[in-house]
Amino acid sequence: MAFAKLYSIQPTLSGGHRITIEADLTKGLHAFTIVGLPDKAVEESRDRVSAAIKNSGYKSPKQRNQKITVALAPASLKKEGPSFDLPIALCYLLATEDIKFSAENKLFTGELALNGDVRAVRGALAIASAAKQLGVTEIFVPKDNAREAALVSGVTVYPVSSLKEVIEHLTPEIKGEKKRTRITPQEKTPLEESGNKVTHRSWSDIRGQESAKRGLMIAAAGGHNIAMWGPPGTGKTMLAKAFTELLPMLSEKDALEVTAIHSVAGALTGEIVTTPPMRSPHHTSSYVSIIGGGAIPKPGEVTLAHRGVLFLDEFPEFDKRVIESLRQPLEEGFVHVSRAKGSERFPAEFILIAAMNPCPCGYWGDTKKPCVCVPGAIARYQRKISGPIIDRIDLWIEVPRLAHDTLAPGKRKQDTKEIEQLQADIARARHHQAKRFADTNITQNAKMSVHALDKYIKLDDSVVTLLNESAKRLDLSPRAYHRIIKLARTIADIDESRFIKEAHILEALQYRPKRLFA
């Protein structure tokens, strides 16, 4: 009886933890034990591994009178998912000396089917990134995960279809034996060829609402949060869903970061996310599903919207606890979730788009249709949005009802160049921001701290006077005061102005909530 050891990775949002897999075999009645804080999926790997080994042409662990102990180290780290099946099977076969190979600088991951096939797992990109950081040169991943893992350069990725295939690749040839088939490494796929494709285009379908379009362009240019309010059916949801068309493609660094998050969370629908993600949870969604949490902390919608957009339709209808918990990600770009079994810090840097009616019936303040809500119902509805949340939203846009004669088919001339011009203006504004913050980790105007405002923003005396008088008249909080400056800086960037002018301040001020929540 013998001992064997090899390595795998437990993927996490921050990368991954190296897991040392050890197998020890001793004489005695059959027993197969997995230790090291395994979850149910890891514990069940005993049966999957035994069947896969038997159906790959080797003697099943259940057919031997021996005590098998598999340890997953470090023992203090919770092990989750079926991705340890493949390394456990290989480690067992090494311990029994049924196979021989060097496990140095190699890493294995994959779920085993009962017939020995290798199934896809979550977090392949995070596994490959962690392997590179650890100095591992070769990783063996399921064939369906190979293109995703191969996005990480500097690591040789081997796509594995079955346990038998990986054994044949790893074990040395015996003299006189039939030549073994070796696995061909996965070629690195260019980012632009493996990205997700955007198929839904709806900006050209929007009729009117020019002020809302202007607000969305400013939000996209500077990374500002925006709220749209108005009667039902005026196009708030359509505007929000069309917003991602304005955003530029993710950089390679951001694309890999977002893809790793979605892969670990099991939300990856393609090979890589190259366009900003848009998450649109229903207003009945729970606190945990949106913010993250659980007995063992898991990411929520705010993390899946990282580097993209979080769209909350019917904003006041969300649980008040959910709305208030947005304070930290909107201000700091992350959420910190603490539970008895651990704590995690999840990235959550997104643009918030909130859409809402002004009251429960939707017609408070409407010029055509009377509101039927009692005053108490309107007050309760509007109180769901607290002052701290209002302060953290830079643009408040009213989306009024449209004239019916503008809605008939064929009445609006399609302008195919409108979206192209908006995208060009946004790209130009973002270029100015990139130059301004080249020596920092700030990416957009909305992310500037107070210290960064002092360093990068210079205001003329006339502009300061206008801003101070307006802030006093509107009774702005210090946070809202600073956000006005950030918003004005974005408007100036769109106008390609080196300095913030009075007109930019005035436009920024008009986006503060006036009638709503008054």
Protein backbone atom coordinates (compact mmCIF):
# COMPACT_ATOMS: atom_id res chain seq x y z
CA MET A 1 0.00 0.00 0.00
CA ALA A 2 1.21 3.50 -0.72
CA PHE A 3 0.74 7.22 -0.55
CA ALA A 4 0.31 9.77 -3.36
CA LYS A 5 -0.15 13.51 -3.69
CA LEU A 6 -1.15 15.97 -6.41
CA TYR A 7 -2.81 19.37 -6.71
CA SER A 8 -6.02 21.11 -7.69
CA ILE A 9 -7.61 24.55 -7.20
CA GLN A 10 -10.68 25.72 -5.31
CA PRO A 11 -11.85 28.68 -7.46
CA THR A 12 -12.99 31.88 -5.75
CA LEU A 13 -13.95 35.36 -6.96
CA SER A 14 -10.54 36.62 -5.92
CA GLY A 15 -8.71 33.86 -7.82
CA GLY A 16 -8.36 30.49 -6.16
CA HIS A 17 -6.75 28.45 -3.39
CA ARG A 18 -4.27 25.67 -4.06
CA ILE A 19 -5.68 22.37 -2.78
CA THR A 20 -3.29 19.54 -1.99
CA ILE A 21 -4.96 16.16 -2.55
CA GLU A 22 -3.40 13.25 -0.66
CA ALA A 23 -4.38 9.59 -0.82
CA ASP A 24 -3.31 7.05 1.78
CA LEU A 25 -4.06 3.31 1.51
CA THR A 26 -3.82 0.88 4.43
CA LYS A 27 -4.82 -2.74 4.98
CA GLY A 28 -8.21 -3.44 6.51
CA LEU A 29 -11.89 -3.67 5.73
CA HIS A 30 -12.98 -1.48 2.87
CA ALA A 31 -13.60 2.16 3.78
CA PHE A 32 -13.39 5.29 1.64
CA THR A 33 -13.13 8.54 3.59
CA ILE A 34 -12.68 12.10 2.34
CA VAL A 35 -11.54 14.62 4.94
CA GLY A 36 -10.80 18.34 4.84
CA LEU A 37 -14.20 20.09 5.22
CA PRO A 38 -15.82 18.62 2.09
CA ASP A 39 -19.35 19.64 1.15
CA LYS A 40 -21.96 17.13 -0.01
CA ALA A 41 -20.81 17.24 -3.64
CA VAL A 42 -17.22 16.44 -2.60
CA GLU A 43 -18.32 13.62 -0.29
CA GLU A 44 -20.35 12.04 -3.10
CA SER A 45 -17.26 11.95 -5.30
CA ARG A 46 -16.39 8.62 -3.64
CA ASP A 47 -19.10 6.87 -5.68
CA ARG A 48 -18.41 8.82 -8.88
CA VAL A 49 -14.68 8.15 -8.62
CA SER A 50 -15.15 4.43 -7.90
CA ALA A 51 -17.46 3.92 -10.89
CA ALA A 52 -15.29 6.02 -13.21
CA ILE A 53 -12.15 4.05 -12.25
CA LYS A 54 -13.93 0.72 -12.83
CA ASN A 55 -15.33 1.82 -16.22
CA SER A 56 -11.89 3.09 -17.29
CA GLY A 57 -10.41 -0.41 -17.06
CA TYR A 58 -8.98 -0.41 -13.54
CA LYS A 59 -9.98 -2.23 -10.37
CA SER A 60 -12.61 -0.29 -8.44
CA PRO A 61 -11.73 0.90 -4.93
CA LYS A 62 -14.82 -0.98 -3.72
CA GLN A 63 -13.33 -4.26 -4.92
CA ARG A 64 -10.30 -3.97 -2.67
CA ASN A 65 -10.06 -4.71 1.04
CA GLN A 66 -8.33 -1.54 2.06
CA LYS A 67 -8.94 1.64 3.97
CA ILE A 68 -8.73 4.66 1.69
CA THR A 69 -8.25 8.12 3.15
CA VAL A 70 -8.28 11.12 0.86
CA ALA A 71 -7.28 14.43 2.47
CA LEU A 72 -7.95 17.83 0.93
CA ALA A 73 -5.62 20.42 2.42
CA PRO A 74 -5.72 22.99 3.89
CA ALA A 75 -8.23 21.34 6.19
CA SER A 76 -9.56 24.68 7.46
CA LEU A 77 -10.86 25.71 4.01
CA LYS A 78 -14.33 24.56 2.95
CA LYS A 79 -14.14 22.44 -0.23
CA GLU A 80 -17.07 22.82 -2.61
CA GLY A 81 -18.25 21.29 -5.87
CA PRO A 82 -17.44 18.23 -7.95
CA SER A 83 -14.25 19.64 -9.50
CA PHE A 84 -12.02 17.42 -7.32
CA ASP A 85 -13.28 14.15 -8.88
CA LEU A 86 -10.54 13.92 -11.51
CA PRO A 87 -7.58 14.65 -9.19
CA ILE A 88 -8.96 12.29 -6.50
CA ALA A 89 -9.20 9.47 -9.05
CA LEU A 90 -5.69 10.08 -10.35
CA CYS A 91 -4.29 10.37 -6.82
CA TYR A 92 -5.90 7.04 -5.84
CA LEU A 93 -4.49 5.29 -8.93
CA LEU A 94 -1.04 6.70 -8.16
CA ALA A 95 -1.28 5.41 -4.60
CA THR A 96 -2.24 1.90 -5.79
CA GLU A 97 0.61 2.09 -8.34
CA ASP A 98 -1.81 1.22 -11.14
CA ILE A 99 -0.37 4.22 -12.95
CA LYS A 100 2.85 6.20 -12.65
CA PHE A 101 3.61 9.77 -13.67
CA SER A 102 5.20 12.91 -12.28
CA ALA A 103 2.68 15.33 -10.78
CA GLU A 104 5.17 18.20 -10.52
CA ASN A 105 3.96 21.51 -12.00
CA LYS A 106 0.64 19.93 -12.96
CA LEU A 107 -2.85 20.77 -11.77
CA PHE A 108 -6.10 18.87 -12.34
CA THR A 109 -9.79 19.72 -12.20
CA GLY A 110 -12.96 18.11 -13.50
CA GLU A 111 -16.14 16.28 -12.57
CA LEU A 112 -16.30 12.58 -13.45
CA ALA A 113 -19.28 10.84 -14.98
CA LEU A 114 -19.86 7.22 -13.93
CA ASN A 115 -18.48 6.00 -17.27
CA GLY A 116 -15.25 7.97 -16.82
CA ASP A 117 -16.08 10.99 -18.96
CA VAL A 118 -15.01 14.40 -17.65
CA ARG A 119 -17.70 17.03 -17.28
CA ALA A 120 -17.37 20.82 -17.19
CA VAL A 121 -16.91 22.67 -13.90
CA ARG A 122 -17.33 26.23 -12.69
CA GLY A 123 -14.52 28.74 -12.47
CA ALA A 124 -12.14 27.46 -15.17
CA LEU A 125 -10.77 30.95 -15.83
CA ALA A 126 -10.20 31.58 -12.11
CA ILE A 127 -8.47 28.19 -11.86
CA ALA A 128 -6.15 29.01 -14.76
CA SER A 129 -5.36 32.46 -13.33
CA ALA A 130 -4.58 30.98 -9.91
CA ALA A 131 -2.41 28.31 -11.51
CA LYS A 132 -0.37 30.96 -13.29
CA GLN A 133 0.13 32.90 -10.05
CA LEU A 134 1.29 29.70 -8.35
CA GLY A 135 3.83 28.99 -11.07
CA VAL A 136 2.06 25.89 -12.41
CA THR A 137 2.92 25.26 -16.04
CA GLU A 138 0.34 22.62 -17.02
CA ILE A 139 -3.35 22.34 -16.14
CA PHE A 140 -5.78 19.60 -17.14
CA VAL A 141 -9.36 20.83 -17.43
CA PRO A 142 -12.59 19.45 -18.95
CA LYS A 143 -12.75 19.85 -22.71
CA ASP A 144 -15.79 22.14 -22.42
CA ASN A 145 -13.79 24.51 -20.20
CA ALA A 146 -10.58 24.51 -22.23
CA ARG A 147 -11.18 27.61 -24.37
CA GLU A 148 -12.16 29.58 -21.28
CA ALA A 149 -9.05 28.47 -19.36
CA ALA A 150 -6.81 29.13 -22.37
CA LEU A 151 -7.60 32.84 -22.18
CA VAL A 152 -4.88 32.99 -19.52
CA SER A 153 -1.48 33.20 -21.20
CA GLY A 154 1.61 31.51 -19.81
CA VAL A 155 -0.13 28.24 -18.85
CA THR A 156 -0.44 25.16 -21.04
CA VAL A 157 -4.07 23.99 -21.00
CA TYR A 158 -4.89 20.36 -21.82
CA PRO A 159 -8.55 19.66 -22.71
CA VAL A 160 -9.60 16.36 -21.12
CA SER A 161 -12.54 14.25 -22.33
CA SER A 162 -12.19 11.21 -20.07
CA LEU A 163 -10.22 9.75 -17.19
CA LYS A 164 -8.77 7.12 -19.51
CA GLU A 165 -7.57 9.81 -21.92
CA VAL A 166 -5.68 11.78 -19.27
CA ILE A 167 -4.08 8.58 -17.90
CA GLU A 168 -2.93 7.62 -21.38
CA HIS A 169 -1.45 11.09 -21.86
CA LEU A 170 0.37 11.18 -18.52
CA THR A 171 1.82 7.69 -18.23
CA PRO A 172 5.09 6.96 -20.06
CA GLU A 173 5.14 4.54 -22.95
CA ILE A 174 6.25 0.97 -22.32
CA LYS A 175 8.62 -0.62 -24.79
CA GLY A 176 6.76 -2.74 -27.28
CA GLU A 177 3.41 -1.25 -26.32
CA LYS A 178 1.14 0.45 -28.83
CA LYS A 179 1.98 4.12 -29.16
CA ARG A 180 -0.07 6.19 -26.71
CA THR A 181 -2.30 9.07 -27.82
CA ARG A 182 -1.27 12.41 -26.34
CA ILE A 183 -3.63 15.31 -25.70
CA THR A 184 -3.02 18.35 -27.89
CA PRO A 185 -2.78 21.58 -25.84
CA GLN A 186 -5.60 24.05 -26.30
CA GLU A 187 -4.67 27.00 -28.50
CA LYS A 188 -5.21 30.46 -27.04
CA THR A 189 -8.29 32.02 -28.61
CA PRO A 190 -8.10 35.75 -29.38
CA LEU A 191 -10.33 37.78 -27.06
CA GLU A 192 -12.34 39.32 -29.87
CA GLU A 193 -13.18 35.89 -31.32
CA SER A 194 -14.39 34.38 -28.07
CA GLY A 195 -16.50 37.22 -26.74
CA ASN A 196 -20.21 37.22 -26.14
CA LYS A 197 -22.30 38.70 -28.92
CA VAL A 198 -24.93 41.34 -28.26
CA THR A 199 -28.02 40.47 -30.25
CA HIS A 200 -30.62 42.83 -28.76
CA ARG A 201 -30.52 46.34 -30.14
CA SER A 202 -33.34 48.64 -29.09
CA TRP A 203 -32.06 52.23 -29.01
CA SER A 204 -33.51 52.98 -32.44
CA ASP A 205 -36.94 51.81 -31.21
CA ILE A 206 -37.21 54.63 -28.65
CA ARG A 207 -39.55 57.47 -29.61
CA GLY A 208 -38.84 60.94 -28.22
CA GLN A 209 -37.56 61.24 -24.61
CA GLU A 210 -34.58 63.32 -25.67
CA SER A 211 -33.83 64.54 -22.12
CA ALA A 212 -33.72 60.95 -20.88
CA LYS A 213 -31.38 60.01 -23.72
CA ARG A 214 -29.12 62.91 -22.82
CA GLY A 215 -29.05 61.76 -19.20
CA LEU A 216 -28.20 58.20 -20.19
CA MET A 217 -25.36 59.42 -22.41
CA ILE A 218 -23.89 61.41 -19.49
CA ALA A 219 -24.25 58.40 -17.19
CA ALA A 220 -22.47 56.16 -19.69
CA ALA A 221 -19.68 58.69 -20.25
CA GLY A 222 -18.82 59.19 -16.58
CA GLY A 223 -20.07 56.01 -14.89
CA HIS A 224 -22.83 57.88 -13.02
CA ASN A 225 -25.88 56.33 -11.38
CA ILE A 226 -29.22 57.36 -12.84
CA ALA A 227 -32.88 57.12 -11.85
CA MET A 228 -35.81 57.57 -14.23
CA TRP A 229 -39.32 58.26 -13.01
CA GLY A 230 -42.63 58.92 -14.66
CA PRO A 231 -46.06 57.43 -15.42
CA PRO A 232 -46.38 53.80 -16.51
CA GLY A 233 -45.58 52.95 -20.11
CA THR A 234 -43.50 56.00 -21.01
CA GLY A 235 -40.39 54.01 -21.96
CA LYS A 236 -38.32 53.84 -18.76
CA THR A 237 -37.64 50.13 -19.08
CA MET A 238 -36.90 50.37 -22.79
CA LEU A 239 -34.42 53.20 -22.18
CA ALA A 240 -32.66 51.22 -19.46
CA LYS A 241 -32.35 48.08 -21.58
CA ALA A 242 -30.96 50.08 -24.47
CA PHE A 243 -28.35 51.71 -22.21
CA THR A 244 -25.73 48.98 -22.67
CA GLU A 245 -25.55 49.88 -26.37
CA LEU A 246 -23.89 53.13 -25.32
CA LEU A 247 -21.16 51.47 -23.26
CA PRO A 248 -17.81 50.57 -24.85
CA MET A 249 -16.48 47.02 -24.87
CA LEU A 250 -14.64 45.88 -21.77
CA SER A 251 -10.86 46.07 -21.75
CA GLU A 252 -9.04 42.74 -21.77
CA LYS A 253 -8.27 43.05 -18.06
CA ASP A 254 -11.87 43.86 -17.17
CA ALA A 255 -13.23 41.16 -19.50
CA LEU A 256 -11.14 38.49 -17.80
CA GLU A 257 -12.15 39.77 -14.36
CA VAL A 258 -15.87 39.78 -15.18
CA THR A 259 -15.68 36.40 -16.90
CA ALA A 260 -13.96 34.86 -13.87
CA ILE A 261 -16.72 36.20 -11.59
CA HIS A 262 -19.50 34.81 -13.80
CA SER A 263 -17.68 31.49 -14.22
CA VAL A 264 -17.22 30.96 -10.48
CA ALA A 265 -20.84 31.94 -9.86
CA GLY A 266 -22.10 29.55 -12.55
CA ALA A 267 -23.63 32.40 -14.55
CA LEU A 268 -21.35 32.25 -17.61
CA THR A 269 -23.39 31.78 -20.79
CA GLY A 270 -20.57 32.10 -23.31
CA GLU A 271 -16.82 31.69 -23.30
CA ILE A 272 -15.96 35.19 -22.15
CA VAL A 273 -17.82 38.38 -21.28
CA THR A 274 -16.54 41.18 -23.50
CA THR A 275 -19.52 43.54 -23.21
CA PRO A 276 -20.56 45.15 -19.91
CA PRO A 277 -22.97 42.79 -18.15
CA MET A 278 -26.49 43.95 -17.37
CA ARG A 279 -28.35 42.39 -14.47
CA SER A 280 -32.06 43.02 -14.02
CA PRO A 281 -33.38 41.22 -10.90
CA HIS A 282 -37.12 41.19 -10.22
CA HIS A 283 -38.37 43.45 -7.45
CA THR A 284 -39.40 40.40 -5.41
CA SER A 285 -35.78 39.19 -5.27
CA SER A 286 -34.42 38.55 -1.80
CA TYR A 287 -31.69 40.46 -0.02
CA VAL A 288 -29.25 37.54 -0.33
CA SER A 289 -29.86 37.08 -4.06
CA ILE A 290 -29.07 40.73 -4.77
CA ILE A 291 -26.37 41.62 -2.23
CA GLY A 292 -24.92 38.16 -1.63
CA GLY A 293 -24.69 36.02 1.47
CA GLY A 294 -25.86 32.66 2.71
CA ALA A 295 -24.39 30.39 5.38
CA ILE A 296 -21.24 30.29 3.24
CA PRO A 297 -21.10 33.76 1.56
CA LYS A 298 -21.93 33.70 -2.16
CA PRO A 299 -22.00 36.63 -4.61
CA GLY A 300 -25.27 38.32 -5.52
CA GLU A 301 -26.57 40.37 -8.43
CA VAL A 302 -24.52 43.44 -7.48
CA THR A 303 -21.36 41.38 -8.00
CA LEU A 304 -22.59 39.83 -11.24
CA ALA A 305 -23.16 43.41 -12.46
CA HIS A 306 -19.52 44.32 -11.74
CA ARG A 307 -18.09 46.55 -14.52
CA GLY A 308 -21.57 46.72 -16.01
CA VAL A 309 -25.12 47.79 -15.19
CA LEU A 310 -27.55 46.92 -12.40
CA PHE A 311 -31.08 47.75 -13.53
CA LEU A 312 -33.69 47.86 -10.77
CA ASP A 313 -37.13 48.28 -12.28
CA GLU A 314 -39.96 49.31 -9.94
CA PHE A 315 -37.26 50.56 -7.57
CA PRO A 316 -39.44 51.41 -4.53
CA GLU A 317 -41.08 47.98 -4.73
CA PHE A 318 -37.83 46.31 -3.67
CA ASP A 319 -37.54 45.40 -0.01
CA LYS A 320 -36.30 48.43 1.96
CA ARG A 321 -33.45 46.34 3.34
CA VAL A 322 -32.29 45.64 -0.23
CA ILE A 323 -32.45 49.33 -1.20
CA GLU A 324 -30.52 50.47 1.88
CA SER A 325 -27.86 47.80 1.42
CA LEU A 326 -26.91 49.43 -1.89
CA ARG A 327 -25.17 52.21 0.05
CA GLN A 328 -21.81 50.42 0.33
CA PRO A 329 -21.45 49.22 -3.30
CA LEU A 330 -22.64 52.56 -4.70
CA GLU A 331 -20.09 54.44 -2.59
CA GLU A 332 -17.15 52.04 -2.40
CA GLY A 333 -17.52 49.58 -5.30
CA PHE A 334 -17.66 46.41 -3.20
CA VAL A 335 -19.79 44.58 -0.64
CA HIS A 336 -18.48 42.95 2.51
CA VAL A 337 -20.58 39.96 3.60
CA SER A 338 -19.91 38.45 7.03
CA ARG A 339 -21.44 35.24 8.31
CA ALA A 340 -20.68 32.80 11.12
CA LYS A 341 -18.91 30.45 8.67
CA GLY A 342 -16.80 33.12 7.04
CA SER A 343 -16.68 36.55 5.46
CA GLU A 344 -16.07 37.63 1.90
CA ARG A 345 -15.45 40.89 0.09
CA PHE A 346 -17.11 40.83 -3.32
CA PRO A 347 -16.40 43.37 -6.09
CA ALA A 348 -19.48 45.40 -7.02
CA GLU A 349 -18.56 48.40 -9.16
CA PHE A 350 -21.50 49.06 -11.45
CA ILE A 351 -23.74 51.77 -12.88
CA LEU A 352 -27.13 51.73 -11.18
CA ILE A 353 -30.18 52.42 -13.32
CA ALA A 354 -33.35 52.72 -11.27
CA ALA A 355 -36.78 53.05 -12.84
CA MET A 356 -39.87 53.93 -10.85
CA ASN A 357 -43.36 55.37 -10.88
CA PRO A 358 -43.94 58.48 -8.75
CA CYS A 359 -46.60 56.72 -6.64
CA PRO A 360 -48.28 53.29 -6.29
CA CYS A 361 -50.84 53.97 -9.03
CA GLY A 362 -48.20 55.71 -11.16
CA TYR A 363 -50.01 58.96 -11.93
CA TRP A 364 -49.04 61.35 -9.15
CA GLY A 365 -48.36 64.72 -10.82
CA ASP A 366 -49.54 63.51 -14.24
CA THR A 367 -51.27 66.18 -16.34
CA LYS A 368 -53.64 63.80 -18.13
CA LYS A 369 -54.71 61.15 -15.64
CA PRO A 370 -55.53 61.81 -11.96
CA CYS A 371 -53.75 59.99 -9.15
CA VAL A 372 -56.03 57.74 -7.07
CA CYS A 373 -53.58 57.13 -4.21
CA VAL A 374 -54.32 58.42 -0.73
CA PRO A 375 -51.68 60.85 0.61
CA GLY A 376 -50.41 58.34 3.17
CA ALA A 377 -49.77 55.72 0.47
CA ILE A 378 -47.79 58.21 -1.61
CA ALA A 379 -45.67 59.21 1.40
CA ARG A 380 -44.94 55.59 2.34
CA TYR A 381 -44.05 54.78 -1.25
CA GLN A 382 -41.64 57.67 -1.64
CA ARG A 383 -40.10 57.14 1.81
CA LYS A 384 -38.84 53.77 0.60
CA ILE A 385 -36.06 55.77 -1.11
CA SER A 386 -34.04 57.31 1.71
CA GLY A 387 -31.91 60.46 1.57
CA PRO A 388 -28.59 58.56 1.51
CA ILE A 389 -29.74 56.58 -1.54
CA ILE A 390 -31.04 59.72 -3.28
CA ASP A 391 -27.66 61.38 -2.70
CA ARG A 392 -25.82 58.46 -4.31
CA ILE A 393 -27.79 58.73 -7.55
CA ASP A 394 -26.30 61.48 -9.70
CA LEU A 395 -29.04 61.95 -12.30
CA TRP A 396 -32.78 62.05 -11.67
CA ILE A 397 -34.62 62.10 -14.99
CA GLU A 398 -38.34 62.59 -15.48
CA VAL A 399 -39.72 60.48 -18.34
CA PRO A 400 -43.07 62.11 -19.23
CA ARG A 401 -45.87 60.67 -21.32
CA LEU A 402 -45.53 61.06 -25.09
CA ALA A 403 -47.95 62.52 -27.56
CA HIS A 404 -49.89 59.74 -29.24
CA ASP A 405 -49.25 61.05 -32.74
CA THR A 406 -45.54 60.27 -32.36
CA LEU A 407 -46.12 56.59 -31.64
CA ALA A 408 -47.80 55.34 -34.82
CA PRO A 409 -45.68 53.00 -36.99
CA GLY A 410 -43.72 54.87 -39.63
CA LYS A 411 -44.12 58.26 -37.96
CA ARG A 412 -40.55 58.34 -36.68
CA LYS A 413 -37.77 58.49 -39.23
CA GLN A 414 -35.10 55.97 -38.31
CA ASP A 415 -31.75 57.62 -37.60
CA THR A 416 -29.10 54.94 -37.93
CA LYS A 417 -26.32 57.41 -37.13
CA GLU A 418 -27.77 58.54 -33.79
CA ILE A 419 -26.37 55.64 -31.78
CA GLU A 420 -23.03 55.90 -33.59
CA GLN A 421 -22.73 59.59 -32.69
CA LEU A 422 -23.62 58.91 -29.05
CA GLN A 423 -21.06 56.11 -28.85
CA ALA A 424 -18.41 58.37 -30.35
CA ASP A 425 -19.17 61.17 -27.85
CA ILE A 426 -18.99 58.73 -24.94
CA ALA A 427 -15.74 57.20 -26.18
CA ARG A 428 -14.22 60.67 -26.51
CA ALA A 429 -15.29 61.64 -22.99
CA ARG A 430 -13.88 58.42 -21.55
CA HIS A 431 -10.62 59.05 -23.39
CA HIS A 432 -10.29 62.41 -21.65
CA GLN A 433 -10.90 60.72 -18.30
CA ALA A 434 -8.31 58.03 -19.05
CA LYS A 435 -5.71 60.72 -19.72
CA ARG A 436 -6.68 62.66 -16.59
CA PHE A 437 -6.41 59.64 -14.29
CA ALA A 438 -3.54 57.88 -16.07
CA ASP A 439 -1.38 57.73 -12.93
CA THR A 440 -4.17 56.42 -10.67
CA ASN A 441 -6.55 53.49 -10.39
CA ILE A 442 -9.53 55.79 -11.00
CA THR A 443 -11.37 54.84 -14.17
CA GLN A 444 -14.23 57.36 -14.43
CA ASN A 445 -15.27 60.73 -13.06
CA ALA A 446 -17.94 59.18 -10.85
CA LYS A 447 -15.26 57.23 -8.97
CA MET A 448 -13.29 60.29 -7.83
CA SER A 449 -12.73 60.64 -4.11
CA VAL A 450 -12.72 64.01 -2.31
CA HIS A 451 -8.92 63.94 -2.43
CA ALA A 452 -9.03 63.32 -6.20
CA LEU A 453 -11.46 66.22 -6.63
CA ASP A 454 -8.96 68.54 -4.92
CA LYS A 455 -6.17 67.27 -7.14
CA TYR A 456 -7.84 67.08 -10.55
CA ILE A 457 -10.68 69.62 -10.50
CA LYS A 458 -10.02 73.38 -10.65
CA LEU A 459 -13.00 75.74 -10.61
CA ASP A 460 -13.09 79.43 -11.51
CA ASP A 461 -14.35 81.84 -8.86
CA SER A 462 -17.56 82.51 -10.81
CA VAL A 463 -18.26 78.77 -11.06
CA VAL A 464 -17.63 78.30 -7.32
CA THR A 465 -19.98 81.18 -6.52
CA LEU A 466 -22.73 79.71 -8.70
CA LEU A 467 -22.24 76.25 -7.21
CA ASN A 468 -22.31 77.48 -3.62
CA GLU A 469 -25.39 79.64 -4.12
CA SER A 470 -27.22 76.78 -5.83
CA ALA A 471 -26.17 74.28 -3.15
CA LYS A 472 -27.47 76.60 -0.44
CA ARG A 473 -30.77 77.15 -2.25
CA LEU A 474 -31.27 73.41 -2.89
CA ASP A 475 -29.93 72.46 0.54
CA LEU A 476 -27.47 69.94 -0.92
CA SER A 477 -25.57 67.57 1.34
CA PRO A 478 -21.76 67.48 1.10
CA ARG A 479 -22.03 64.21 -0.84
CA ALA A 480 -24.50 65.69 -3.33
CA TYR A 481 -22.31 68.80 -3.60
CA HIS A 482 -19.30 66.73 -4.66
CA ARG A 483 -21.38 64.60 -7.01
CA ILE A 484 -22.55 67.75 -8.79
CA ILE A 485 -18.90 68.60 -9.48
CA LYS A 486 -18.18 65.08 -10.79
CA LEU A 487 -21.23 65.22 -13.03
CA ALA A 488 -20.28 68.66 -14.33
CA ARG A 489 -16.80 67.35 -15.12
CA THR A 490 -18.33 64.59 -17.25
CA ILE A 491 -20.54 67.07 -19.09
CA ALA A 492 -17.45 69.20 -19.74
CA ASP A 493 -15.63 66.13 -21.09
CA ILE A 494 -18.51 65.46 -23.49
CA ASP A 495 -18.22 69.09 -24.66
CA GLU A 496 -14.42 68.63 -24.87
CA SER A 497 -13.95 71.55 -22.49
CA ARG A 498 -10.75 71.69 -20.47
CA PHE A 499 -12.47 73.52 -17.62
CA ILE A 500 -15.85 73.22 -15.95
CA LYS A 501 -18.02 76.16 -16.99
CA GLU A 502 -21.15 77.65 -15.47
CA ALA A 503 -23.30 75.95 -18.11
CA HIS A 504 -21.94 72.57 -17.06
CA ILE A 505 -22.77 73.26 -13.40
CA LEU A 506 -26.26 74.40 -14.31
CA GLU A 507 -26.94 71.27 -16.34
CA ALA A 508 -25.63 69.07 -13.55
CA LEU A 509 -27.87 70.86 -11.03
CA GLN A 510 -30.99 70.26 -13.10
CA TYR A 511 -30.55 66.50 -12.61
CA ARG A 512 -31.06 66.74 -8.84
CA PRO A 513 -34.54 65.56 -7.71
CA LYS A 514 -36.87 68.56 -7.47
CA ARG A 515 -40.54 67.60 -7.67
CA LEU A 516 -40.18 63.97 -6.65
CA PHE A 517 -39.40 63.42 -2.95
CA ALA A 518 -40.00 67.12 -2.33
